[in-house]
Protein backbone atom coordinates (compact mmCIF):
# COMPACT_ATOMS: atom_id res chain seq x y z
CA MET A 1 18.27 22.81 54.35
CA ASP A 2 15.00 24.10 52.96
CA SER A 3 16.80 25.85 50.14
CA TRP A 4 18.49 22.58 49.20
CA ARG A 5 15.13 20.79 49.05
CA GLU A 6 13.67 23.66 47.07
CA LEU A 7 16.56 23.42 44.62
CA GLN A 8 16.02 19.66 44.25
CA LYS A 9 12.30 20.13 43.79
CA ASN A 10 12.80 22.82 41.13
CA SER A 11 15.40 20.71 39.41
CA TYR A 12 13.04 17.71 39.35
CA ILE A 13 10.13 19.82 38.08
CA SER A 14 12.35 21.26 35.38
CA TRP A 15 13.48 17.78 34.36
CA VAL A 16 9.88 16.51 34.21
CA LYS A 17 8.80 19.44 32.04
CA LYS A 18 11.74 18.86 29.71
CA TYR A 19 10.91 15.15 29.55
CA GLU A 20 7.26 15.87 28.75
CA LYS A 21 8.24 18.27 25.93
CA GLU A 22 10.59 15.69 24.44
CA LYS A 23 7.87 13.06 24.73
CA GLU A 24 5.44 15.32 22.84
CA LYS A 25 8.04 15.89 20.13
CA ARG A 26 8.58 12.14 19.75
CA ILE A 27 4.83 11.55 19.50
CA GLU A 28 4.45 14.27 16.86
CA ALA A 29 7.39 12.88 14.90
CA GLU A 30 5.91 9.38 15.05
CA GLU A 31 2.53 10.64 13.82
CA LYS A 32 4.19 12.48 10.92
CA TYR A 33 6.18 9.36 10.08
CA ASN A 34 3.05 7.17 10.12
CA LYS A 35 1.20 9.61 7.85
CA LEU A 36 4.14 9.64 5.46
CA VAL A 37 4.32 5.85 5.39
CA GLU A 38 0.58 5.64 4.74
CA ALA A 39 0.86 8.16 1.89
CA ILE A 40 3.73 6.20 0.34
CA LYS A 41 1.73 2.96 0.60
CA ASN A 42 -1.27 4.58 -1.10
CA ILE A 43 0.90 5.92 -3.92
CA ALA A 44 2.55 2.54 -4.41
CA ILE A 45 -0.81 0.76 -4.49
CA GLU A 46 -2.21 3.27 -6.96
CA LYS A 47 0.83 2.96 -9.24
CA TYR A 48 0.70 -0.85 -9.04
CA TYR A 49 -2.95 -1.05 -10.05
CA THR A 50 -2.52 1.63 -12.72
CA LYS A 51 0.36 -0.35 -14.24
CA LEU A 52 -1.61 -3.59 -13.95
CA LEU A 53 -4.56 -2.06 -15.79
CA GLU A 54 -2.29 -0.60 -18.47
CA THR A 55 -0.61 -3.97 -18.95
CA ASN A 56 -3.96 -5.72 -19.23
CA ASP A 57 -5.19 -3.12 -21.72
CA GLU A 58 -2.05 -3.56 -23.83
CA ARG A 59 -2.46 -7.33 -23.72
CA MET A 60 -6.10 -7.12 -24.75
CA ASP A 61 -5.23 -4.74 -27.58
CA ILE A 62 -2.72 -7.27 -28.93
CA ILE A 63 -5.21 -10.14 -28.59
CA GLY A 64 -7.85 -8.03 -30.33
CA GLN A 65 -5.47 -7.18 -33.18
CA ASN A 66 -4.91 -10.88 -33.78
CA GLY A 67 -8.65 -11.39 -34.11
CA ASN A 68 -8.87 -13.59 -31.04
CA ASP A 69 -12.03 -12.66 -29.20
CA GLY A 70 -12.11 -15.92 -27.22
CA LEU A 71 -15.54 -16.93 -28.49
CA HIS A 72 -14.25 -19.99 -30.35
CA TYR A 73 -13.37 -21.73 -27.07
CA GLN A 74 -16.97 -22.35 -26.16
CA TYR A 75 -17.62 -24.06 -29.49
CA GLU A 76 -14.53 -26.26 -29.71
CA LEU A 77 -15.96 -28.88 -27.37
CA PHE A 78 -19.09 -29.29 -29.42
CA GLU A 79 -17.25 -29.33 -32.73
CA ASP A 80 -14.89 -32.09 -31.53
CA ASP A 81 -17.82 -34.28 -30.47
CA ASP A 82 -19.15 -34.30 -34.05
CA ASP A 83 -15.82 -35.39 -35.52
CA ASP A 84 -16.15 -39.14 -36.29
CA THR A 85 -12.52 -39.59 -37.30
CA LYS A 86 -11.30 -39.50 -33.70
CA HIS A 87 -13.33 -42.54 -32.57
């Protein structure tokens, strides 16, 4: 009878050790996955903002080529007030 209990005990201990090893593997895999996801997010964010800045630069280059520096907007209100034909 003691040998049967010893066999059960060893079997249980073996199962627990195997379970713990598998658990460690799952935890390591999850950590690697999370690091990979974080790296992908960072790359996507960097590419998004790089593209956004490039698009804004291209837009400003076109506006600058047309001679529109935006300064005339602050004067339009005052110029319209002096125009007597609109009253």
